[in-house]
Amino acid sequence: MTTQELDKKIGMPDINQEWAKFEKETIAPHRRLKSFTAKAAAVAGIIFLLGGAVIASAVISSNSSKFHTLFAADDDPIYDVVEENPVYSDGLDALMQHFIQNLHYPQVAEDCGVEGRVMVQFVVEKDGRCTQFKVLKEATDHRKLIKRNVQATGKPQDRDYITMSEFETAQKACHDEALRVCRMMGKFTPGKIKGKAVRTRFTIPVTFRLQ
Protein backbone atom coordinates (compact mmCIF):
# COMPACT_ATOMS: atom_id res chain seq x y z
CA MET A 1 0.00 0.00 0.00
CA THR A 2 1.41 3.41 -0.98
CA THR A 3 1.69 6.32 1.44
CA GLN A 4 -1.05 8.16 -0.46
CA GLU A 5 -3.37 5.16 -0.27
CA LEU A 6 -2.71 4.77 3.45
CA ASP A 7 -3.35 8.47 4.09
CA LYS A 8 -6.64 8.25 2.20
CA LYS A 9 -7.71 5.11 4.05
CA ILE A 10 -7.16 6.61 7.50
CA GLY A 11 -8.57 10.00 6.55
CA MET A 12 -5.34 11.99 6.72
CA PRO A 13 -5.54 15.58 5.40
CA ASP A 14 -3.50 16.71 2.38
CA ILE A 15 -0.50 18.38 4.03
CA ASN A 16 0.18 20.61 0.99
CA GLN A 17 -3.38 21.97 1.09
CA GLU A 18 -3.21 22.44 4.87
CA TRP A 19 0.12 24.25 4.53
CA ALA A 20 -1.19 26.59 1.80
CA LYS A 21 -4.19 27.45 3.98
CA PHE A 22 -1.97 27.98 7.01
CA GLU A 23 0.42 30.26 5.10
CA LYS A 24 -2.49 32.43 3.92
CA GLU A 25 -4.32 32.66 7.25
CA THR A 26 -1.51 32.61 9.80
CA ILE A 27 2.02 33.03 8.46
CA ALA A 28 1.39 36.16 6.36
CA PRO A 29 -0.12 38.12 9.30
CA HIS A 30 2.63 36.80 11.57
CA ARG A 31 5.36 38.03 9.24
CA ARG A 32 3.93 41.55 9.45
CA LEU A 33 4.26 41.44 13.23
CA LYS A 34 7.71 39.99 13.65
CA SER A 35 10.63 38.65 11.60
CA PHE A 36 13.43 36.39 12.78
CA THR A 37 16.90 37.19 11.42
CA ALA A 38 19.74 34.71 11.48
CA LYS A 39 22.62 36.63 9.84
CA ALA A 40 23.24 39.21 7.13
CA ALA A 41 20.48 38.87 4.55
CA ALA A 42 19.42 35.40 5.66
CA VAL A 43 16.63 34.24 7.90
CA ALA A 44 15.91 30.79 9.28
CA GLY A 45 12.44 30.43 10.72
CA ILE A 46 10.22 27.68 12.08
CA ILE A 47 6.49 27.57 11.49
CA PHE A 48 4.05 25.44 13.47
CA LEU A 49 0.71 24.25 12.14
CA LEU A 50 -1.75 25.07 14.89
CA GLY A 51 -5.51 25.14 15.22
CA GLY A 52 -7.59 23.08 12.79
CA ALA A 53 -4.64 21.38 11.14
CA VAL A 54 -2.54 21.08 14.31
CA ILE A 55 1.09 20.14 13.92
CA ALA A 56 1.70 18.06 10.81
CA SER A 57 0.60 14.46 10.88
CA ALA A 58 -0.54 14.37 14.51
CA VAL A 59 -4.10 15.46 13.76
CA ILE A 60 -7.13 15.11 16.02
CA SER A 61 -9.42 12.83 14.10
CA SER A 62 -12.31 10.44 14.56
CA ASN A 63 -10.36 8.09 12.30
CA SER A 64 -7.82 7.10 14.96
CA SER A 65 -9.57 3.76 15.49
CA LYS A 66 -9.12 2.98 11.79
CA PHE A 67 -5.39 3.58 12.08
CA HIS A 68 -5.20 1.42 15.20
CA THR A 69 -6.90 -1.42 13.32
CA LEU A 70 -4.24 -1.29 10.60
CA PHE A 71 -1.50 -1.79 13.17
CA ALA A 72 -3.32 -3.97 15.68
CA ALA A 73 -0.68 -6.70 15.29
CA ASP A 74 2.07 -4.37 16.57
CA ASP A 75 2.57 -4.53 20.33
CA ASP A 76 3.82 -0.93 20.44
CA PRO A 77 2.63 0.86 17.28
CA ILE A 78 3.52 4.36 16.16
CA TYR A 79 0.43 6.46 15.46
CA ASP A 80 -0.01 9.17 12.86
CA VAL A 81 -3.46 10.10 14.15
CA VAL A 82 -4.18 10.59 17.86
CA GLU A 83 -6.90 12.09 20.01
CA GLU A 84 -4.53 14.27 22.07
CA ASN A 85 -1.53 15.64 20.21
CA PRO A 86 1.98 15.76 21.62
CA VAL A 87 2.84 19.10 23.23
CA TYR A 88 6.29 20.50 23.93
CA SER A 89 6.72 20.21 27.70
CA ASP A 90 8.08 23.74 28.18
CA GLY A 91 5.39 25.29 25.96
CA LEU A 92 5.20 26.54 22.38
CA ASP A 93 6.96 29.82 23.16
CA ALA A 94 9.94 27.92 24.55
CA LEU A 95 10.05 25.72 21.46
CA MET A 96 9.96 28.79 19.22
CA GLN A 97 12.80 30.36 21.20
CA HIS A 98 14.79 27.14 20.94
CA PHE A 99 14.77 27.39 17.14
CA ILE A 100 15.28 31.16 17.06
CA GLN A 101 18.36 30.89 19.28
CA ASN A 102 19.91 27.76 17.82
CA LEU A 103 19.00 27.59 14.13
CA HIS A 104 21.63 29.07 11.81
CA TYR A 105 21.48 29.58 8.06
CA PRO A 106 24.25 27.41 6.58
CA GLN A 107 26.86 29.59 4.91
CA VAL A 108 27.11 27.29 1.90
CA ALA A 109 23.34 27.53 1.37
CA GLU A 110 23.43 31.31 1.63
CA ASP A 111 26.34 31.52 -0.83
CA CYS A 112 24.52 29.29 -3.31
CA GLY A 113 21.16 31.01 -2.94
CA VAL A 114 19.48 27.83 -1.71
CA GLU A 115 16.40 28.14 0.50
CA GLY A 116 13.13 26.36 1.20
CA ARG A 117 11.23 24.39 3.81
CA VAL A 118 12.69 21.25 5.38
CA MET A 119 10.07 18.93 6.86
CA VAL A 120 11.57 17.02 9.79
CA GLN A 121 9.65 14.04 11.14
CA PHE A 122 10.35 12.25 14.40
CA VAL A 123 8.60 10.00 16.90
CA VAL A 124 7.45 11.28 20.28
CA GLU A 125 7.83 8.27 22.54
CA LYS A 126 5.47 7.44 25.39
CA ASP A 127 7.90 8.98 27.89
CA GLY A 128 8.14 12.19 25.84
CA ARG A 129 11.56 11.53 24.29
CA CYS A 130 12.05 12.32 20.59
CA THR A 131 13.53 9.59 18.40
CA GLN A 132 13.82 8.45 14.77
CA PHE A 133 14.50 11.85 13.20
CA LYS A 134 14.40 12.05 9.42
CA VAL A 135 13.84 14.56 6.62
CA LEU A 136 10.54 14.11 4.80
CA LYS A 137 10.73 17.10 2.45
CA GLU A 138 13.85 18.79 1.17
CA ALA A 139 14.73 22.45 0.77
CA THR A 140 14.32 22.73 -2.99
CA ASP A 141 14.15 26.46 -3.77
CA HIS A 142 17.12 28.25 -5.30
CA ARG A 143 17.76 31.76 -6.55
CA LYS A 144 20.44 30.87 -9.07
CA LEU A 145 20.33 28.81 -12.23
CA ILE A 146 21.56 25.26 -11.73
CA LYS A 147 23.92 24.16 -14.48
CA ARG A 148 24.75 20.54 -15.02
CA ASN A 149 28.04 19.18 -16.31
CA VAL A 150 29.87 22.49 -16.11
CA GLN A 151 33.28 23.33 -14.71
CA ALA A 152 32.58 26.09 -12.21
CA THR A 153 35.05 28.92 -11.76
CA GLY A 154 35.34 31.18 -8.74
CA LYS A 155 33.07 31.19 -5.70
CA PRO A 156 29.33 30.39 -6.04
CA GLN A 157 28.34 33.67 -4.37
CA ASP A 158 30.10 35.54 -7.19
CA ARG A 159 28.31 33.68 -9.98
CA ASP A 160 24.75 33.85 -11.32
CA TYR A 161 24.63 30.04 -11.43
CA ILE A 162 25.58 27.05 -9.30
CA THR A 163 26.50 23.50 -10.22
CA MET A 164 24.34 20.52 -9.32
CA SER A 165 27.03 19.41 -6.86
CA GLU A 166 26.96 22.82 -5.15
CA PHE A 167 23.18 22.72 -4.96
CA GLU A 168 23.17 19.26 -3.40
CA THR A 169 25.83 20.28 -0.88
CA ALA A 170 23.88 23.39 0.13
CA GLN A 171 20.64 21.42 0.32
CA LYS A 172 22.21 18.81 2.60
CA ALA A 173 23.57 21.57 4.82
CA CYS A 174 19.99 22.81 5.38
CA HIS A 175 18.84 19.25 6.14
CA ASP A 176 21.67 18.71 8.60
CA GLU A 177 21.03 22.02 10.36
CA ALA A 178 17.30 21.35 10.71
CA LEU A 179 17.99 17.87 12.08
CA ARG A 180 20.68 19.17 14.43
CA VAL A 181 18.39 21.70 16.08
CA CYS A 182 15.45 19.28 16.23
CA ARG A 183 17.62 16.71 18.01
CA MET A 184 18.44 19.35 20.63
CA MET A 185 14.80 19.75 21.64
CA GLY A 186 13.62 18.80 25.13
CA LYS A 187 10.84 16.37 25.93
CA PHE A 188 7.22 16.51 24.80
CA THR A 189 4.06 15.54 26.60
CA PRO A 190 3.23 12.41 24.58
CA GLY A 191 0.24 11.98 22.31
CA LYS A 192 -2.71 10.07 23.76
CA ILE A 193 -5.57 7.85 22.70
CA LYS A 194 -8.34 7.30 25.26
CA GLY A 195 -6.13 8.94 27.86
CA LYS A 196 -3.26 6.53 27.31
CA ALA A 197 0.16 7.71 26.12
CA VAL A 198 1.13 6.34 22.71
CA ARG A 199 4.07 6.67 20.34
CA THR A 200 3.22 9.40 17.86
CA ARG A 201 4.77 10.64 14.63
CA PHE A 202 5.30 14.37 14.68
CA THR A 203 6.46 16.71 11.91
CA ILE A 204 7.97 20.18 12.15
CA PRO A 205 8.52 22.39 9.09
CA VAL A 206 11.78 24.36 9.35
CA THR A 207 11.99 27.22 6.86
CA PHE A 208 15.19 28.68 5.44
CA ARG A 209 14.46 31.91 3.57
CA LEU A 210 16.84 34.49 2.10
CA GLN A 211 15.79 38.13 2.27
Foldseek 3Di string as FASTA:
>chain_A
DDPVVVCVQLVFDDVVVLVVVCCVPPVVVVVVVDAQDADDQKGKAWDARDDQNGFPQAHQDPSQVVVCVVVVVDPADADSYFNFAKAQPVHPVVVRVLCSVQFHQDPLCVLFQFWAKWKWKWKQALVQATHDIDTDDWRDDGQAAEDEPDDDDDGSSPDRYHYPVSRVVSRVVNRVRVRVSVNVGDGINAGDHPRGGGIYMGIIIMTIDGD
